Amino acid sequence: MDERVREHAEVLVDWSARVEAGDDVVVSVAEGAHELGVAVAEALGERGATVTTVYGSSELSRAYLKGVEAGTDGDVDAGDFDSDPAVDRALFEAADAYLRIGGGRNTTATADVDRSTRQAYAKARQGVREARMDTDWVSTVHPTRSLAQQAGMAYEEYRDFVYDAVLRDWESLADEMARLKAILDAGEEVRIVTERDGAPDTDVTMSIAGRTAVNSAASVAYDSHNLPSGEVFTAPYDTAGEVFFDVPMTIDATRVRNVHLVFEDGAVVDFAAGAGEDALASVLDTDPGARRLGELGVGMNRGIDRVTDSILFDEKMGDTVHLAVGRAYDACLPDGESGTESAVHVDMIADVSERSSVTVDGEVVQRDGVFRWEDGFER
């Protein structure tokens, strides 16, 4: 076993999930993630935790959903699924932590499942998702050949990329990201401007007053649930203006490029995409909350230096910002406030490495990808 696999497991169990003796831990292991699953199970055993493992297979999910389509002649809605599956809810309600280890054999395994079927299934399982998110949950991936292929890399090259992103000095990065968190916590309005071909293609403002930013340092101790992480995010509202997302992404098993959104009174009122516009439209039509922002995130993990078509990595990449339509995270909201509610949370990413500025209350915090506390910042 590559020693980096064991290091990955140790970071996941100790730094990210903060597992302690006696904790009940559910571990979901994808088809291609067996090796990391083994290392994680060993680490959990050494720490005195109790482990329940489940098989996280997208191919099994596809088979089930195709079966539902066949049983309903393709006319599927949320009522065709158990809206409160007792077994799944009980599993997560009894768990202290949930570790999801991704790394399947096919990154588009559910591509031939009708989009409305996937949406209906997501809506029906919202209660399970909420129970899972009430645990100390962390999501990570094991480098697989399918993910390497999706990223356009050789397998060995991709493994190096993953471990450069995961095996970081997380305490030092957390200290740096705390600077941006402090600025966002004290701020009231964020403005993002980018230019293309000599003219603005993004000029969007949003309120962040009363919100709490999350220093997403890959640990539940920081209200952070992804490994790797390396972003600071908050829950904006009252969004106005337009934004262009130039980083390609996969949404609902569909490749989407060059997304343009127009906001008025906090909601998307117009949209376009150079590719995958139907998938974008489907997301925005999920429910009323899907047309409002649930997240503003700023990527700060410079160990992630290229786009890989995986949101787990791409949204954390240095020199990027991302906005998510749909559900807001409770960690960013005042007690008693729900923020944007939706069955979806879909991130879209913009490159801010050139001809760009991120401003908080009129003061530039980042210009052309450089933060104001870094060398090379131009005021």
Protein backbone atom coordinates (compact mmCIF):
# COMPACT_ATOMS: atom_id res chain seq x y z
CA MET A 1 0.00 0.00 0.00
CA ASP A 2 1.26 3.46 -0.90
CA GLU A 3 2.16 5.13 2.41
CA ARG A 4 0.22 8.20 1.28
CA VAL A 5 -3.00 6.14 1.51
CA ARG A 6 -2.37 5.60 5.21
CA GLU A 7 -1.56 9.29 5.65
CA HIS A 8 -4.81 10.17 3.88
CA ALA A 9 -6.72 7.89 6.27
CA GLU A 10 -5.05 9.42 9.31
CA VAL A 11 -5.86 12.97 8.18
CA LEU A 12 -9.48 11.94 7.52
CA VAL A 13 -9.97 10.24 10.89
CA ASP A 14 -7.93 12.53 13.15
CA TRP A 15 -7.86 16.02 11.65
CA SER A 16 -11.06 16.00 9.60
CA ALA A 17 -13.61 13.90 11.54
CA ARG A 18 -11.96 14.18 15.00
CA VAL A 19 -13.00 10.60 15.77
CA GLU A 20 -12.66 9.54 19.41
CA ALA A 21 -12.84 6.22 21.24
CA GLY A 22 -16.42 4.97 21.47
CA ASP A 23 -17.70 6.93 18.48
CA ASP A 24 -20.11 5.14 16.13
CA VAL A 25 -18.85 5.78 12.60
CA VAL A 26 -20.58 4.97 9.31
CA VAL A 27 -18.14 4.61 6.41
CA SER A 28 -19.40 4.60 2.81
CA VAL A 29 -16.84 3.12 0.42
CA ALA A 30 -17.14 3.48 -3.35
CA GLU A 31 -16.27 0.68 -5.78
CA GLY A 32 -12.75 1.90 -6.49
CA ALA A 33 -11.93 3.16 -2.99
CA HIS A 34 -11.30 -0.21 -1.32
CA GLU A 35 -7.68 0.54 -0.46
CA LEU A 36 -8.46 3.78 1.36
CA GLY A 37 -11.46 2.12 2.99
CA VAL A 38 -9.16 -0.54 4.43
CA ALA A 39 -6.75 2.08 5.78
CA VAL A 40 -9.61 4.07 7.32
CA ALA A 41 -11.11 0.96 8.96
CA GLU A 42 -7.72 0.13 10.47
CA ALA A 43 -7.29 3.69 11.78
CA LEU A 44 -10.77 3.67 13.30
CA GLY A 45 -10.10 0.36 15.00
CA GLU A 46 -6.87 1.67 16.49
CA ARG A 47 -8.76 4.64 17.92
CA GLY A 48 -11.45 2.52 19.54
CA ALA A 49 -14.34 3.56 17.31
CA THR A 50 -17.21 1.33 16.20
CA VAL A 51 -17.48 0.97 12.42
CA THR A 52 -20.43 0.24 10.13
CA THR A 53 -19.55 0.08 6.43
CA VAL A 54 -21.87 0.59 3.47
CA TYR A 55 -21.22 0.19 -0.24
CA GLY A 56 -21.42 3.55 -1.97
CA SER A 57 -21.91 2.44 -5.57
CA SER A 58 -23.21 4.79 -8.24
CA GLU A 59 -23.74 1.76 -10.47
CA LEU A 60 -26.07 0.24 -7.87
CA SER A 61 -27.88 3.57 -7.64
CA ARG A 62 -28.30 3.57 -11.40
CA ALA A 63 -29.70 0.03 -11.36
CA TYR A 64 -32.25 0.94 -8.70
CA LEU A 65 -33.40 4.12 -10.41
CA LYS A 66 -33.66 2.41 -13.80
CA GLY A 67 -35.72 -0.27 -12.09
CA VAL A 68 -38.08 2.36 -10.70
CA GLU A 69 -38.41 3.85 -14.17
CA ALA A 70 -39.24 0.45 -15.60
CA GLY A 71 -41.81 -0.20 -12.87
CA THR A 72 -43.60 3.11 -13.49
CA ASP A 73 -43.29 3.18 -17.28
CA GLY A 74 -40.94 6.13 -16.90
CA ASP A 75 -43.49 8.39 -15.18
CA VAL A 76 -41.56 8.90 -11.92
CA ASP A 77 -42.24 11.43 -9.18
CA ALA A 78 -41.18 11.78 -5.55
CA GLY A 79 -44.20 9.72 -4.45
CA ASP A 80 -42.66 6.64 -6.04
CA PHE A 81 -39.96 6.65 -3.34
CA ASP A 82 -40.27 6.20 0.40
CA SER A 83 -40.14 9.78 1.70
CA ASP A 84 -38.96 8.65 5.14
CA PRO A 85 -36.86 5.48 4.76
CA ALA A 86 -36.60 4.29 8.33
CA VAL A 87 -33.49 2.15 7.91
CA ASP A 88 -31.37 4.92 6.40
CA ARG A 89 -32.59 7.52 8.87
CA ALA A 90 -31.93 5.23 11.83
CA LEU A 91 -28.41 4.50 10.60
CA PHE A 92 -27.43 8.18 10.52
CA GLU A 93 -29.41 9.21 13.57
CA ALA A 94 -27.42 6.65 15.59
CA ALA A 95 -24.06 7.69 14.12
CA ASP A 96 -21.58 10.14 15.58
CA ALA A 97 -19.68 10.51 12.30
CA TYR A 98 -20.15 9.66 8.64
CA LEU A 99 -17.18 9.27 6.31
CA ARG A 100 -17.89 9.14 2.59
CA ILE A 101 -15.01 7.78 0.51
CA GLY A 102 -15.70 8.41 -3.16
CA GLY A 103 -13.90 6.87 -6.10
CA GLY A 104 -16.22 4.93 -8.39
CA ARG A 105 -15.51 3.07 -11.59
CA ASN A 106 -17.58 5.36 -13.80
CA THR A 107 -17.99 9.07 -13.08
CA THR A 108 -21.11 9.22 -15.28
CA ALA A 109 -22.76 5.97 -14.17
CA THR A 110 -26.22 7.56 -13.86
CA ALA A 111 -26.08 9.55 -17.10
CA ASP A 112 -28.88 7.53 -18.71
CA VAL A 113 -31.25 7.92 -15.76
CA ASP A 114 -33.87 10.54 -16.57
CA ARG A 115 -33.11 13.85 -14.88
CA SER A 116 -36.62 14.07 -13.42
CA THR A 117 -36.10 10.66 -11.80
CA ARG A 118 -32.89 11.81 -10.13
CA GLN A 119 -34.60 14.98 -8.93
CA ALA A 120 -37.56 13.05 -7.53
CA TYR A 121 -35.22 10.71 -5.68
CA ALA A 122 -33.27 13.65 -4.23
CA LYS A 123 -36.47 15.31 -3.02
CA ALA A 124 -37.75 12.09 -1.44
CA ARG A 125 -34.51 11.55 0.47
CA GLN A 126 -34.16 15.05 1.85
CA GLY A 127 -34.90 13.78 5.37
CA VAL A 128 -32.11 11.21 5.11
CA ARG A 129 -29.75 13.89 3.86
CA GLU A 130 -30.60 16.10 6.84
CA ALA A 131 -30.00 13.22 9.28
CA ARG A 132 -26.66 12.52 7.63
CA MET A 133 -25.65 16.17 7.81
CA ASP A 134 -26.44 16.24 11.53
CA THR A 135 -23.46 13.91 12.07
CA ASP A 136 -19.79 14.89 11.99
CA TRP A 137 -19.64 14.06 8.30
CA VAL A 138 -16.66 14.30 5.96
CA SER A 139 -16.44 13.53 2.25
CA THR A 140 -13.22 12.61 0.48
CA VAL A 141 -12.10 10.60 -2.55
CA HIS A 142 -9.55 7.93 -3.26
CA PRO A 143 -7.66 8.54 -6.53
CA THR A 144 -8.98 6.15 -9.15
CA ARG A 145 -8.42 5.66 -12.85
CA SER A 146 -11.91 6.91 -13.67
CA LEU A 147 -11.28 10.16 -11.80
CA ALA A 148 -7.88 10.51 -13.46
CA GLN A 149 -9.50 10.06 -16.85
CA GLN A 150 -12.17 12.65 -16.02
CA ALA A 151 -9.42 15.05 -14.97
CA GLY A 152 -7.47 14.41 -18.18
CA MET A 153 -4.42 13.05 -16.34
CA ALA A 154 -2.35 9.93 -16.23
CA TYR A 155 -3.25 7.82 -13.21
CA GLU A 156 0.13 8.33 -11.51
CA GLU A 157 -0.06 12.06 -12.17
CA TYR A 158 -3.55 12.22 -10.70
CA ARG A 159 -2.51 10.41 -7.53
CA ASP A 160 0.22 13.00 -6.98
CA PHE A 161 -2.32 15.77 -7.57
CA VAL A 162 -4.77 14.33 -5.02
CA TYR A 163 -2.16 13.90 -2.32
CA ASP A 164 -0.76 17.40 -2.92
CA ALA A 165 -4.28 18.68 -2.23
CA VAL A 166 -5.04 16.41 0.74
CA LEU A 167 -1.74 16.11 2.63
CA ARG A 168 -1.40 19.78 3.55
CA ASP A 169 -0.27 21.68 6.60
CA TRP A 170 -3.89 22.27 7.52
CA GLU A 171 -3.18 24.27 10.67
CA SER A 172 -1.12 26.85 8.73
CA LEU A 173 -3.73 27.08 5.99
CA ALA A 174 -6.46 27.49 8.62
CA ASP A 175 -4.54 30.43 10.11
CA GLU A 176 -4.29 32.12 6.71
CA MET A 177 -7.95 31.56 5.87
CA ALA A 178 -8.93 33.02 9.25
CA ARG A 179 -7.90 36.42 7.85
CA LEU A 180 -10.53 36.24 5.13
CA LYS A 181 -13.14 34.86 7.53
CA ALA A 182 -12.64 37.87 9.82
CA ILE A 183 -13.15 40.27 6.90
CA LEU A 184 -16.32 38.53 5.73
CA ASP A 185 -17.74 38.24 9.26
CA ALA A 186 -17.36 41.99 9.74
CA GLY A 187 -18.56 42.88 6.22
CA GLU A 188 -21.94 43.81 4.84
CA GLU A 189 -21.58 43.66 1.06
CA VAL A 190 -19.39 41.76 -1.38
CA ARG A 191 -18.83 42.82 -4.97
CA ILE A 192 -17.12 40.64 -7.59
CA VAL A 193 -15.98 42.12 -10.89
CA THR A 194 -14.19 40.34 -13.73
CA GLU A 195 -13.39 41.49 -17.24
CA ARG A 196 -13.15 39.64 -20.51
CA ASP A 197 -12.23 41.11 -23.88
CA GLY A 198 -11.89 44.52 -22.26
CA ALA A 199 -15.39 44.70 -20.80
CA PRO A 200 -16.95 43.45 -17.55
CA ASP A 201 -18.55 40.02 -17.83
CA THR A 202 -19.18 39.75 -14.09
CA ASP A 203 -20.40 42.56 -11.87
CA VAL A 204 -22.41 41.16 -9.02
CA THR A 205 -23.12 42.37 -5.49
CA MET A 206 -24.55 40.47 -2.55
CA SER A 207 -25.28 41.12 1.10
CA ILE A 208 -23.45 39.16 3.81
CA ALA A 209 -24.54 41.24 6.81
CA GLY A 210 -25.33 39.09 9.82
CA ARG A 211 -23.79 35.98 8.29
CA THR A 212 -20.91 33.92 9.70
CA ALA A 213 -18.21 32.78 7.30
CA VAL A 214 -16.80 29.27 7.60
CA ASN A 215 -13.03 28.75 7.65
CA SER A 216 -13.24 25.49 5.72
CA ALA A 217 -10.00 23.88 6.85
CA ALA A 218 -11.02 20.28 6.16
CA SER A 219 -12.17 19.59 9.73
CA VAL A 220 -15.48 19.41 11.53
CA ALA A 221 -13.82 21.53 14.20
CA TYR A 222 -14.06 24.36 11.65
CA ASP A 223 -17.56 23.41 10.42
CA SER A 224 -15.77 22.03 7.36
CA HIS A 225 -16.77 18.71 5.81
CA ASN A 226 -14.63 18.11 2.73
CA LEU A 227 -11.15 16.64 2.40
CA PRO A 228 -9.46 18.29 0.65
CA SER A 229 -10.86 21.68 1.51
CA GLY A 230 -9.28 25.11 1.59
CA GLU A 231 -12.00 27.70 1.07
CA VAL A 232 -13.81 30.35 3.07
CA PHE A 233 -17.54 30.48 2.42
CA THR A 234 -20.62 32.31 3.62
CA ALA A 235 -24.33 32.53 2.82
CA PRO A 236 -25.14 35.64 0.74
CA TYR A 237 -28.52 37.17 -0.02
CA ASP A 238 -30.07 40.14 -1.88
CA THR A 239 -27.94 39.33 -4.93
CA ALA A 240 -28.01 41.72 -7.88
CA GLY A 241 -26.10 41.90 -11.15
CA GLU A 242 -24.64 39.31 -13.48
CA VAL A 243 -21.93 36.70 -13.21
CA PHE A 244 -20.05 34.58 -15.73
CA PHE A 245 -18.66 31.19 -14.71
CA ASP A 246 -15.83 30.17 -17.02
CA VAL A 247 -14.67 26.99 -15.26
CA PRO A 248 -16.32 23.92 -16.85
CA MET A 249 -18.24 21.60 -14.54
CA THR A 250 -20.48 18.56 -14.56
CA ILE A 251 -24.01 19.16 -13.35
CA ASP A 252 -26.39 16.24 -13.04
CA ALA A 253 -24.11 14.03 -15.20
CA THR A 254 -24.02 16.70 -17.93
CA ARG A 255 -20.99 18.77 -18.98
CA VAL A 256 -21.80 22.46 -18.52
CA ARG A 257 -19.67 25.35 -19.79
CA ASN A 258 -19.72 29.15 -19.81
CA VAL A 259 -22.68 29.79 -17.54
CA HIS A 260 -24.14 33.29 -17.37
CA LEU A 261 -26.63 34.19 -14.61
CA VAL A 262 -28.53 37.45 -14.13
CA PHE A 263 -29.85 38.27 -10.65
CA GLU A 264 -32.59 40.71 -9.64
CA ASP A 265 -34.03 41.01 -6.13
CA GLY A 266 -31.94 38.06 -5.00
CA ALA A 267 -33.12 35.57 -7.65
CA VAL A 268 -31.95 34.35 -11.05
CA VAL A 269 -34.15 36.02 -13.67
CA ASP A 270 -32.19 35.03 -16.77
CA PHE A 271 -29.55 32.46 -17.60
CA ALA A 272 -27.58 30.94 -20.44
CA ALA A 273 -24.84 28.37 -20.96
CA GLY A 274 -22.49 27.61 -23.82
CA ALA A 275 -23.08 23.90 -23.23
CA GLY A 276 -25.42 21.96 -20.96
CA GLU A 277 -28.08 24.65 -20.72
CA ASP A 278 -30.86 22.08 -20.24
CA ALA A 279 -29.09 20.68 -17.17
CA LEU A 280 -28.70 24.19 -15.78
CA ALA A 281 -32.39 24.92 -16.41
CA SER A 282 -33.38 21.71 -14.67
CA VAL A 283 -31.42 22.68 -11.56
CA LEU A 284 -32.88 26.20 -11.47
CA ASP A 285 -36.41 24.81 -11.84
CA THR A 286 -36.06 22.35 -8.96
CA ASP A 287 -37.83 24.63 -6.48
CA PRO A 288 -37.99 28.39 -5.70
CA GLY A 289 -34.81 28.26 -3.59
CA ALA A 290 -32.83 26.89 -6.53
CA ARG A 291 -32.86 30.35 -8.13
CA ARG A 292 -31.30 32.00 -5.08
CA LEU A 293 -27.76 31.84 -3.77
CA GLY A 294 -26.90 29.58 -0.89
CA GLU A 295 -23.15 30.11 -0.88
CA LEU A 296 -20.30 32.42 -1.80
CA GLY A 297 -16.95 30.65 -1.54
CA VAL A 298 -13.38 31.78 -2.12
CA GLY A 299 -10.84 29.08 -3.01
CA MET A 300 -7.52 29.21 -1.10
CA ASN A 301 -5.94 25.75 -1.52
CA ARG A 302 -2.97 26.40 -3.79
CA GLY A 303 -2.13 22.71 -3.72
CA ILE A 304 -4.99 22.44 -6.23
CA ASP A 305 -3.52 23.97 -9.36
CA ARG A 306 -5.75 22.76 -12.18
CA VAL A 307 -9.37 22.04 -13.06
CA THR A 308 -10.30 18.36 -12.74
CA ASP A 309 -14.08 18.37 -13.31
CA SER A 310 -14.59 17.41 -9.65
CA ILE A 311 -16.30 20.00 -7.48
CA LEU A 312 -14.58 18.56 -4.41
CA PHE A 313 -11.29 19.90 -5.78
CA ASP A 314 -12.20 22.61 -8.25
CA GLU A 315 -14.12 24.88 -5.87
CA LYS A 316 -11.17 24.91 -3.43
CA MET A 317 -8.62 25.91 -6.08
CA GLY A 318 -6.67 29.09 -5.44
CA ASP A 319 -7.52 32.03 -7.74
CA THR A 320 -11.19 31.07 -7.97
CA VAL A 321 -14.50 32.07 -6.44
CA HIS A 322 -17.68 30.07 -6.59
CA LEU A 323 -21.35 30.73 -6.08
CA ALA A 324 -23.88 28.00 -5.33
CA VAL A 325 -27.54 28.19 -6.15
CA GLY A 326 -29.82 26.43 -3.70
CA ARG A 327 -29.52 25.43 -0.07
CA ALA A 328 -27.55 27.56 2.39
CA TYR A 329 -25.49 25.94 5.12
CA ASP A 330 -26.74 26.35 8.69
CA ALA A 331 -23.22 27.11 9.94
CA CYS A 332 -23.38 30.47 8.15
CA LEU A 333 -26.78 31.53 9.47
CA PRO A 334 -27.94 33.23 12.68
CA ASP A 335 -29.92 31.09 15.11
CA GLY A 336 -33.52 30.81 14.02
CA GLU A 337 -32.87 31.86 10.41
CA SER A 338 -33.18 29.30 7.64
CA GLY A 339 -31.59 31.16 4.73
CA THR A 340 -32.13 29.74 1.27
CA GLU A 341 -33.97 26.42 1.39
CA SER A 342 -33.80 24.02 -1.54
CA ALA A 343 -33.37 20.35 -2.43
CA VAL A 344 -30.24 21.29 -4.41
CA HIS A 345 -26.92 22.97 -3.81
CA VAL A 346 -25.01 23.41 -7.06
CA ASP A 347 -21.66 25.23 -7.21
CA MET A 348 -20.41 27.19 -10.21
CA ILE A 349 -16.86 28.50 -10.45
CA ALA A 350 -15.18 31.60 -11.88
CA ASP A 351 -11.48 32.14 -12.48
CA VAL A 352 -10.35 35.36 -10.77
CA SER A 353 -6.63 35.08 -11.49
CA GLU A 354 -6.67 37.95 -14.02
CA ARG A 355 -8.57 41.21 -14.55
CA SER A 356 -10.68 40.74 -11.44
CA SER A 357 -11.40 42.10 -7.98
CA VAL A 358 -13.23 40.90 -4.91
CA THR A 359 -14.33 43.82 -2.75
CA VAL A 360 -15.86 43.86 0.74
CA ASP A 361 -17.56 47.11 1.76
CA GLY A 362 -15.66 49.03 -0.88
CA GLU A 363 -12.20 47.72 0.01
CA VAL A 364 -10.42 45.35 -2.36
CA VAL A 365 -9.58 42.08 -0.59
CA GLN A 366 -8.31 40.18 -3.61
CA ARG A 367 -7.11 41.48 -6.97
CA ASP A 368 -6.11 39.21 -9.86
CA GLY A 369 -5.97 36.26 -7.48
CA VAL A 370 -3.69 37.92 -4.92
CA PHE A 371 -4.96 38.68 -1.42
CA ARG A 372 -4.13 42.01 0.14
CA TRP A 373 -1.88 40.37 2.77
CA GLU A 374 0.18 38.55 0.11
CA ASP A 375 3.28 39.70 -1.71
CA GLY A 376 2.46 41.15 -5.10
CA PHE A 377 -0.89 42.66 -4.15
CA GLU A 378 -1.54 45.85 -6.13
CA ARG A 379 -3.75 48.43 -4.44
